[in-house]
């Protein structure tokens, strides 16, 4: 969940984002949409922690507003087996 929001820019892992890989980004959106997962993810807290606490990497403590991540968007994971991984 944190890669595109933090690792991509903060840790300079910026060759590609998860969003640039269709299968990974669809999997991430499906995972985020599993019951109980979204409630445990707070991107403002995640970004605030990483950008404010690693002063050797980010000496100014500036916390970016972006990226805007829409993990509630549809995914195409049902094409793999006829339905998503999660089933009730």
PDB file of N, CA and C in Angstrom:
ATOM      1  N   UNK A   1       0.814  -1.193   0.000  1.00  0.00           N
ATOM      2  CA  UNK A   1       0.000   0.000   0.000  1.00  0.00           C
ATOM      3  C   UNK A   1       0.861   1.263   0.000  1.00  0.00           C
ATOM      4  N   UNK A   2       2.022   1.192   0.611  1.00  0.00           N
ATOM      5  CA  UNK A   2       2.829   2.398   0.808  1.00  0.00           C
ATOM      6  C   UNK A   2       3.738   2.760  -0.364  1.00  0.00           C
ATOM      7  N   UNK A   3       3.962   1.838  -1.286  1.00  0.00           N
ATOM      8  CA  UNK A   3       5.011   2.060  -2.273  1.00  0.00           C
ATOM      9  C   UNK A   3       4.804   3.337  -3.073  1.00  0.00           C
ATOM     10  N   UNK A   4       3.674   3.482  -3.764  1.00  0.00           N
ATOM     11  CA  UNK A   4       3.461   4.672  -4.586  1.00  0.00           C
ATOM     12  C   UNK A   4       3.333   5.932  -3.734  1.00  0.00           C
ATOM     13  N   UNK A   5       2.778   5.803  -2.544  1.00  0.00           N
ATOM     14  CA  UNK A   5       2.570   6.966  -1.676  1.00  0.00           C
ATOM     15  C   UNK A   5       3.863   7.466  -1.045  1.00  0.00           C
ATOM     16  N   UNK A   6       4.811   6.566  -0.760  1.00  0.00           N
ATOM     17  CA  UNK A   6       6.013   6.966  -0.028  1.00  0.00           C
ATOM     18  C   UNK A   6       7.306   6.477  -0.671  1.00  0.00           C
ATOM     19  N   UNK A   7       7.437   5.208  -0.838  1.00  0.00           N
ATOM     20  CA  UNK A   7       8.724   4.640  -1.252  1.00  0.00           C
ATOM     21  C   UNK A   7       9.196   5.185  -2.594  1.00  0.00           C
ATOM     22  N   UNK A   8       8.277   5.367  -3.535  1.00  0.00           N
ATOM     23  CA  UNK A   8       8.612   5.838  -4.871  1.00  0.00           C
ATOM     24  C   UNK A   8       9.420   7.138  -4.825  1.00  0.00           C
ATOM     25  N   UNK A   9       8.975   8.093  -4.056  1.00  0.00           N
ATOM     26  CA  UNK A   9       9.682   9.377  -4.008  1.00  0.00           C
ATOM     27  C   UNK A   9      10.616   9.509  -2.809  1.00  0.00           C
ATOM     28  N   UNK A  10      10.159   9.142  -1.643  1.00  0.00           N
ATOM     29  CA  UNK A  10      10.945   9.358  -0.426  1.00  0.00           C
ATOM     30  C   UNK A  10      12.243   8.550  -0.420  1.00  0.00           C
ATOM     31  N   UNK A  11      12.150   7.290  -0.798  1.00  0.00           N
ATOM     32  CA  UNK A  11      13.335   6.431  -0.806  1.00  0.00           C
ATOM     33  C   UNK A  11      13.976   6.338  -2.185  1.00  0.00           C
ATOM     34  N   UNK A  12      13.486   7.164  -3.123  1.00  0.00           N
ATOM     35  CA  UNK A  12      14.053   7.249  -4.480  1.00  0.00           C
ATOM     36  C   UNK A  12      13.971   5.930  -5.239  1.00  0.00           C
ATOM     37  N   UNK A  13      12.946   5.145  -4.960  1.00  0.00           N
ATOM     38  CA  UNK A  13      12.690   3.898  -5.706  1.00  0.00           C
ATOM     39  C   UNK A  13      11.790   4.267  -6.880  1.00  0.00           C
ATOM     40  N   UNK A  14      12.286   5.156  -7.751  1.00  0.00           N
ATOM     41  CA  UNK A  14      11.393   5.807  -8.694  1.00  0.00           C
ATOM     42  C   UNK A  14      11.574   5.419 -10.152  1.00  0.00           C
ATOM     43  N   UNK A  15      11.999   4.200 -10.401  1.00  0.00           N
ATOM     44  CA  UNK A  15      12.036   3.744 -11.781  1.00  0.00           C
ATOM     45  C   UNK A  15      10.608   3.579 -12.305  1.00  0.00           C
ATOM     46  N   UNK A  16       9.780   2.907 -11.527  1.00  0.00           N
ATOM     47  CA  UNK A  16       8.359   2.740 -11.863  1.00  0.00           C
ATOM     48  C   UNK A  16       7.537   2.641 -10.577  1.00  0.00           C
ATOM     49  N   UNK A  17       6.282   3.048 -10.696  1.00  0.00           N
ATOM     50  CA  UNK A  17       5.346   2.933  -9.582  1.00  0.00           C
ATOM     51  C   UNK A  17       4.553   1.639  -9.718  1.00  0.00           C
ATOM     52  N   UNK A  18       3.898   1.221  -8.666  1.00  0.00           N
ATOM     53  CA  UNK A  18       2.988   0.074  -8.753  1.00  0.00           C
ATOM     54  C   UNK A  18       1.930   0.362  -9.823  1.00  0.00           C
ATOM     55  N   UNK A  19       1.476   1.603  -9.894  1.00  0.00           N
ATOM     56  CA  UNK A  19       0.461   1.996 -10.874  1.00  0.00           C
ATOM     57  C   UNK A  19       0.919   1.766 -12.311  1.00  0.00           C
ATOM     58  N   UNK A  20       2.212   1.686 -12.543  1.00  0.00           N
ATOM     59  CA  UNK A  20       2.740   1.467 -13.890  1.00  0.00           C
ATOM     60  C   UNK A  20       2.730  -0.004 -14.307  1.00  0.00           C
ATOM     61  N   UNK A  21       2.400  -0.876 -13.396  1.00  0.00           N
ATOM     62  CA  UNK A  21       2.316  -2.313 -13.675  1.00  0.00           C
ATOM     63  C   UNK A  21       0.852  -2.734 -13.569  1.00  0.00           C
ATOM     64  N   UNK A  22       0.178  -2.959 -14.689  1.00  0.00           N
ATOM     65  CA  UNK A  22      -1.262  -3.249 -14.643  1.00  0.00           C
ATOM     66  C   UNK A  22      -1.648  -4.405 -13.721  1.00  0.00           C
ATOM     67  N   UNK A  23      -0.950  -5.511 -13.768  1.00  0.00           N
ATOM     68  CA  UNK A  23      -1.338  -6.647 -12.925  1.00  0.00           C
ATOM     69  C   UNK A  23      -1.129  -6.354 -11.447  1.00  0.00           C
ATOM     70  N   UNK A  24      -0.011  -5.710 -11.107  1.00  0.00           N
ATOM     71  CA  UNK A  24       0.235  -5.368  -9.696  1.00  0.00           C
ATOM     72  C   UNK A  24      -0.760  -4.329  -9.191  1.00  0.00           C
ATOM     73  N   UNK A  25      -1.048  -3.321 -10.007  1.00  0.00           N
ATOM     74  CA  UNK A  25      -1.975  -2.287  -9.537  1.00  0.00           C
ATOM     75  C   UNK A  25      -3.392  -2.840  -9.394  1.00  0.00           C
ATOM     76  N   UNK A  26      -3.796  -3.743 -10.283  1.00  0.00           N
ATOM     77  CA  UNK A  26      -5.107  -4.386 -10.121  1.00  0.00           C
ATOM     78  C   UNK A  26      -5.143  -5.241  -8.863  1.00  0.00           C
ATOM     79  N   UNK A  27      -4.062  -5.977  -8.608  1.00  0.00           N
ATOM     80  CA  UNK A  27      -3.985  -6.797  -7.389  1.00  0.00           C
ATOM     81  C   UNK A  27      -4.045  -5.910  -6.143  1.00  0.00           C
ATOM     82  N   UNK A  28      -3.308  -4.790  -6.159  1.00  0.00           N
ATOM     83  CA  UNK A  28      -3.300  -3.892  -5.006  1.00  0.00           C
ATOM     84  C   UNK A  28      -4.693  -3.324  -4.748  1.00  0.00           C
ATOM     85  N   UNK A  29      -5.390  -2.925  -5.813  1.00  0.00           N
ATOM     86  CA  UNK A  29      -6.756  -2.412  -5.632  1.00  0.00           C
ATOM     87  C   UNK A  29      -7.682  -3.492  -5.089  1.00  0.00           C
ATOM     88  N   UNK A  30      -7.548  -4.723  -5.589  1.00  0.00           N
ATOM     89  CA  UNK A  30      -8.383  -5.803  -5.057  1.00  0.00           C
ATOM     90  C   UNK A  30      -8.092  -6.028  -3.579  1.00  0.00           C
ATOM     91  N   UNK A  31      -6.822  -6.095  -3.222  1.00  0.00           N
ATOM     92  CA  UNK A  31      -6.437  -6.300  -1.823  1.00  0.00           C
ATOM     93  C   UNK A  31      -7.003  -5.196  -0.939  1.00  0.00           C
ATOM     94  N   UNK A  32      -6.863  -3.947  -1.365  1.00  0.00           N
ATOM     95  CA  UNK A  32      -7.368  -2.808  -0.602  1.00  0.00           C
ATOM     96  C   UNK A  32      -8.879  -2.919  -0.386  1.00  0.00           C
ATOM     97  N   UNK A  33      -9.580  -3.491  -1.352  1.00  0.00           N
ATOM     98  CA  UNK A  33     -11.036  -3.586  -1.282  1.00  0.00           C
ATOM     99  C   UNK A  33     -11.538  -4.801  -0.507  1.00  0.00           C
ATOM    100  N   UNK A  34     -10.652  -5.668  -0.082  1.00  0.00           N
ATOM    101  CA  UNK A  34     -11.074  -6.791   0.761  1.00  0.00           C
ATOM    102  C   UNK A  34     -11.700  -6.234   2.041  1.00  0.00           C
ATOM    103  N   UNK A  35     -12.696  -6.894   2.575  1.00  0.00           N
ATOM    104  CA  UNK A  35     -13.322  -6.428   3.813  1.00  0.00           C
ATOM    105  C   UNK A  35     -12.286  -6.249   4.933  1.00  0.00           C
ATOM    106  N   UNK A  36     -12.321  -5.084   5.553  1.00  0.00           N
ATOM    107  CA  UNK A  36     -11.459  -4.805   6.696  1.00  0.00           C
ATOM    108  C   UNK A  36     -10.106  -4.205   6.373  1.00  0.00           C
ATOM    109  N   UNK A  37      -9.673  -4.240   5.122  1.00  0.00           N
ATOM    110  CA  UNK A  37      -8.337  -3.742   4.784  1.00  0.00           C
ATOM    111  C   UNK A  37      -8.309  -2.213   4.714  1.00  0.00           C
ATOM    112  N   UNK A  38      -9.209  -1.611   3.944  1.00  0.00           N
ATOM    113  CA  UNK A  38      -9.193  -0.155   3.755  1.00  0.00           C
ATOM    114  C   UNK A  38      -9.237   0.592   5.085  1.00  0.00           C
ATOM    115  N   UNK A  39      -9.944   0.035   6.054  1.00  0.00           N
ATOM    116  CA  UNK A  39     -10.065   0.700   7.355  1.00  0.00           C
ATOM    117  C   UNK A  39      -8.737   0.757   8.105  1.00  0.00           C
ATOM    118  N   UNK A  40      -7.777  -0.054   7.706  1.00  0.00           N
ATOM    119  CA  UNK A  40      -6.481  -0.074   8.394  1.00  0.00           C
ATOM    120  C   UNK A  40      -5.436   0.787   7.700  1.00  0.00           C
ATOM    121  N   UNK A  41      -5.798   1.407   6.581  1.00  0.00           N
ATOM    122  CA  UNK A  41      -4.839   2.183   5.790  1.00  0.00           C
ATOM    123  C   UNK A  41      -5.169   3.664   5.906  1.00  0.00           C
ATOM    124  N   UNK A  42      -4.210   4.446   6.380  1.00  0.00           N
ATOM    125  CA  UNK A  42      -4.372   5.892   6.499  1.00  0.00           C
ATOM    126  C   UNK A  42      -3.167   6.541   5.816  1.00  0.00           C
ATOM    127  N   UNK A  43      -3.341   6.929   4.557  1.00  0.00           N
ATOM    128  CA  UNK A  43      -2.211   7.445   3.789  1.00  0.00           C
ATOM    129  C   UNK A  43      -1.643   8.740   4.358  1.00  0.00           C
ATOM    130  N   UNK A  44      -2.466   9.567   4.955  1.00  0.00           N
ATOM    131  CA  UNK A  44      -1.944  10.798   5.563  1.00  0.00           C
ATOM    132  C   UNK A  44      -1.005  10.453   6.718  1.00  0.00           C
ATOM    133  N   UNK A  45      -1.378   9.489   7.523  1.00  0.00           N
ATOM    134  CA  UNK A  45      -0.525   9.050   8.625  1.00  0.00           C
ATOM    135  C   UNK A  45       0.758   8.412   8.090  1.00  0.00           C
ATOM    136  N   UNK A  46       0.623   7.557   7.089  1.00  0.00           N
ATOM    137  CA  UNK A  46       1.785   6.880   6.514  1.00  0.00           C
ATOM    138  C   UNK A  46       2.775   7.902   5.969  1.00  0.00           C
ATOM    139  N   UNK A  47       2.297   8.845   5.159  1.00  0.00           N
ATOM    140  CA  UNK A  47       3.196   9.859   4.592  1.00  0.00           C
ATOM    141  C   UNK A  47       3.782  10.738   5.688  1.00  0.00           C
ATOM    142  N   UNK A  48       2.955  11.136   6.642  1.00  0.00           N
ATOM    143  CA  UNK A  48       3.445  11.969   7.738  1.00  0.00           C
ATOM    144  C   UNK A  48       4.556  11.292   8.511  1.00  0.00           C
ATOM    145  N   UNK A  49       4.383  10.013   8.796  1.00  0.00           N
ATOM    146  CA  UNK A  49       5.414   9.277   9.533  1.00  0.00           C
ATOM    147  C   UNK A  49       6.723   9.228   8.759  1.00  0.00           C
ATOM    148  N   UNK A  50       6.684   8.752   7.541  1.00  0.00           N
ATOM    149  CA  UNK A  50       7.922   8.583   6.777  1.00  0.00           C
ATOM    150  C   UNK A  50       8.612   9.910   6.488  1.00  0.00           C
ATOM    151  N   UNK A  51       7.868  10.881   5.970  1.00  0.00           N
ATOM    152  CA  UNK A  51       8.498  12.135   5.564  1.00  0.00           C
ATOM    153  C   UNK A  51       8.951  12.988   6.744  1.00  0.00           C
ATOM    154  N   UNK A  52       8.298  12.886   7.880  1.00  0.00           N
ATOM    155  CA  UNK A  52       8.678  13.706   9.033  1.00  0.00           C
ATOM    156  C   UNK A  52       9.722  13.042   9.915  1.00  0.00           C
ATOM    157  N   UNK A  53       9.802  11.720   9.905  1.00  0.00           N
ATOM    158  CA  UNK A  53      10.703  11.056  10.848  1.00  0.00           C
ATOM    159  C   UNK A  53      12.077  10.725  10.279  1.00  0.00           C
ATOM    160  N   UNK A  54      12.232  10.745   8.987  1.00  0.00           N
ATOM    161  CA  UNK A  54      13.534  10.432   8.383  1.00  0.00           C
ATOM    162  C   UNK A  54      14.230  11.721   7.958  1.00  0.00           C
ATOM    163  N   UNK A  55      14.745  12.446   8.910  1.00  0.00           N
ATOM    164  CA  UNK A  55      15.351  13.753   8.642  1.00  0.00           C
ATOM    165  C   UNK A  55      16.637  13.675   7.822  1.00  0.00           C
ATOM    166  N   UNK A  56      17.312  12.538   7.819  1.00  0.00           N
ATOM    167  CA  UNK A  56      18.513  12.442   6.983  1.00  0.00           C
ATOM    168  C   UNK A  56      18.131  12.355   5.501  1.00  0.00           C
ATOM    169  N   UNK A  57      16.963  11.844   5.207  1.00  0.00           N
ATOM    170  CA  UNK A  57      16.482  11.747   3.824  1.00  0.00           C
ATOM    171  C   UNK A  57      15.687  12.990   3.442  1.00  0.00           C
ATOM    172  N   UNK A  58      14.930  13.525   4.378  1.00  0.00           N
ATOM    173  CA  UNK A  58      14.051  14.668   4.131  1.00  0.00           C
ATOM    174  C   UNK A  58      14.283  15.717   5.216  1.00  0.00           C
ATOM    175  N   UNK A  59      15.413  16.426   5.156  1.00  0.00           N
ATOM    176  CA  UNK A  59      15.768  17.353   6.237  1.00  0.00           C
ATOM    177  C   UNK A  59      14.769  18.484   6.460  1.00  0.00           C
ATOM    178  N   UNK A  60      13.993  18.847   5.453  1.00  0.00           N
ATOM    179  CA  UNK A  60      13.022  19.932   5.624  1.00  0.00           C
ATOM    180  C   UNK A  60      11.727  19.455   6.266  1.00  0.00           C
ATOM    181  N   UNK A  61      11.496  18.154   6.270  1.00  0.00           N
ATOM    182  CA  UNK A  61      10.270  17.613   6.844  1.00  0.00           C
ATOM    183  C   UNK A  61       9.023  17.899   6.028  1.00  0.00           C
ATOM    184  N   UNK A  62       9.198  18.304   4.785  1.00  0.00           N
ATOM    185  CA  UNK A  62       8.049  18.594   3.926  1.00  0.00           C
ATOM    186  C   UNK A  62       7.326  17.292   3.585  1.00  0.00           C
ATOM    187  N   UNK A  63       6.013  17.308   3.761  1.00  0.00           N
ATOM    188  CA  UNK A  63       5.176  16.144   3.475  1.00  0.00           C
ATOM    189  C   UNK A  63       4.360  16.451   2.218  1.00  0.00           C
ATOM    190  N   UNK A  64       4.531  15.658   1.160  1.00  0.00           N
ATOM    191  CA  UNK A  64       3.800  15.942  -0.082  1.00  0.00           C
ATOM    192  C   UNK A  64       2.305  15.673   0.050  1.00  0.00           C
ATOM    193  N   UNK A  65       1.516  16.406  -0.718  1.00  0.00           N
ATOM    194  CA  UNK A  65       0.070  16.179  -0.733  1.00  0.00           C
ATOM    195  C   UNK A  65      -0.283  14.939  -1.542  1.00  0.00           C
ATOM    196  N   UNK A  66       0.459  14.672  -2.580  1.00  0.00           N
ATOM    197  CA  UNK A  66       0.152  13.554  -3.477  1.00  0.00           C
ATOM    198  C   UNK A  66       1.028  12.365  -3.189  1.00  0.00           C
ATOM    199  N   UNK A  67       0.889  11.365  -3.965  1.00  0.00           N
ATOM    200  CA  UNK A  67      -0.002  11.265  -5.115  1.00  0.00           C
ATOM    201  C   UNK A  67      -1.430  10.929  -4.692  1.00  0.00           C
ATOM    202  N   UNK A  68      -2.356  11.227  -5.589  1.00  0.00           N
ATOM    203  CA  UNK A  68      -3.753  10.855  -5.348  1.00  0.00           C
ATOM    204  C   UNK A  68      -3.926   9.403  -5.773  1.00  0.00           C
ATOM    205  N   UNK A  69      -4.206   8.535  -4.828  1.00  0.00           N
ATOM    206  CA  UNK A  69      -4.371   7.113  -5.107  1.00  0.00           C
ATOM    207  C   UNK A  69      -5.843   6.741  -4.995  1.00  0.00           C
ATOM    208  N   UNK A  70      -6.386   6.151  -6.044  1.00  0.00           N
ATOM    209  CA  UNK A  70      -7.782   5.714  -6.012  1.00  0.00           C
ATOM    210  C   UNK A  70      -7.820   4.195  -5.948  1.00  0.00           C
ATOM    211  N   UNK A  71      -7.662   3.668  -4.751  1.00  0.00           N
ATOM    212  CA  UNK A  71      -7.648   2.221  -4.581  1.00  0.00           C
ATOM    213  C   UNK A  71      -9.049   1.625  -4.533  1.00  0.00           C
ATOM    214  N   UNK A  72     -10.067   2.485  -4.582  1.00  0.00           N
ATOM    215  CA  UNK A  72     -11.449   2.003  -4.661  1.00  0.00           C
ATOM    216  C   UNK A  72     -11.886   1.811  -6.111  1.00  0.00           C
ATOM    217  N   UNK A  73     -11.030   2.202  -7.061  1.00  0.00           N
ATOM    218  CA  UNK A  73     -11.357   2.033  -8.480  1.00  0.00           C
ATOM    219  C   UNK A  73     -11.482   0.549  -8.803  1.00  0.00           C
ATOM    220  N   UNK A  74     -12.178   0.268  -9.874  1.00  0.00           N
ATOM    221  CA  UNK A  74     -12.361  -1.122 -10.272  1.00  0.00           C
ATOM    222  C   UNK A  74     -11.043  -1.806 -10.609  1.00  0.00           C
ATOM    223  N   UNK A  75     -11.038  -3.104 -10.491  1.00  0.00           N
ATOM    224  CA  UNK A  75      -9.882  -3.911 -10.880  1.00  0.00           C
ATOM    225  C   UNK A  75     -10.388  -4.993 -11.823  1.00  0.00           C
ATOM    226  N   UNK A  76      -9.477  -5.638 -12.523  1.00  0.00           N
ATOM    227  CA  UNK A  76      -9.907  -6.663 -13.477  1.00  0.00           C
ATOM    228  C   UNK A  76      -9.492  -8.065 -13.046  1.00  0.00           C
ATOM    229  N   UNK A  77      -9.327  -8.261 -11.760  1.00  0.00           N
ATOM    230  CA  UNK A  77      -8.823  -9.536 -11.249  1.00  0.00           C
ATOM    231  C   UNK A  77      -9.774 -10.704 -11.510  1.00  0.00           C
ATOM    232  N   UNK A  78     -11.053 -10.434 -11.683  1.00  0.00           N
ATOM    233  CA  UNK A  78     -11.998 -11.513 -11.936  1.00  0.00           C
ATOM    234  C   UNK A  78     -11.685 -12.230 -13.249  1.00  0.00           C
ATOM    235  N   UNK A  79     -10.945 -11.603 -14.156  1.00  0.00           N
ATOM    236  CA  UNK A  79     -10.604 -12.239 -15.428  1.00  0.00           C
ATOM    237  C   UNK A  79      -9.677 -13.436 -15.236  1.00  0.00           C
ATOM    238  N   UNK A  80      -9.006 -13.517 -14.092  1.00  0.00           N
ATOM    239  CA  UNK A  80      -8.038 -14.583 -13.867  1.00  0.00           C
ATOM    240  C   UNK A  80      -8.686 -15.915 -13.519  1.00  0.00           C
ATOM    241  N   UNK A  81      -9.769 -15.888 -12.778  1.00  0.00           N
ATOM    242  CA  UNK A  81     -10.380 -17.151 -12.360  1.00  0.00           C
ATOM    243  C   UNK A  81     -11.905 -17.124 -12.422  1.00  0.00           C
ATOM    244  N   UNK A  82     -12.457 -16.066 -12.971  1.00  0.00           N
ATOM    245  CA  UNK A  82     -13.907 -15.946 -13.015  1.00  0.00           C
ATOM    246  C   UNK A  82     -14.463 -15.131 -11.864  1.00  0.00           C
ATOM    247  N   UNK A  83     -13.668 -14.934 -10.801  1.00  0.00           N
ATOM    248  CA  UNK A  83     -14.066 -14.094  -9.671  1.00  0.00           C
ATOM    249  C   UNK A  83     -12.805 -13.646  -8.951  1.00  0.00           C
ATOM    250  N   UNK A  84     -12.925 -12.653  -8.101  1.00  0.00           N
ATOM    251  CA  UNK A  84     -11.775 -12.170  -7.345  1.00  0.00           C
ATOM    252  C   UNK A  84     -11.266 -13.216  -6.368  1.00  0.00           C
ATOM    253  N   UNK A  85     -10.147 -12.942  -5.782  1.00  0.00           N
ATOM    254  CA  UNK A  85      -9.563 -13.862  -4.810  1.00  0.00           C
ATOM    255  C   UNK A  85     -10.471 -13.997  -3.604  1.00  0.00           C
ATOM    256  N   UNK A  86     -11.026 -12.887  -3.162  1.00  0.00           N
ATOM    257  CA  UNK A  86     -11.878 -12.895  -1.973  1.00  0.00           C
ATOM    258  C   UNK A  86     -13.241 -13.450  -2.327  1.00  0.00           C
ATOM    259  N   UNK A  87     -13.712 -14.383  -1.560  1.00  0.00           N
ATOM    260  CA  UNK A  87     -15.085 -14.859  -1.712  1.00  0.00           C
ATOM    261  C   UNK A  87     -15.655 -15.086  -0.321  1.00  0.00           C
ATOM    262  N   UNK A  88     -16.928 -14.797  -0.182  1.00  0.00           N
ATOM    263  CA  UNK A  88     -17.534 -14.942   1.142  1.00  0.00           C
ATOM    264  C   UNK A  88     -18.365 -16.186   1.242  1.00  0.00           C
TER     265      UNK A  88
END
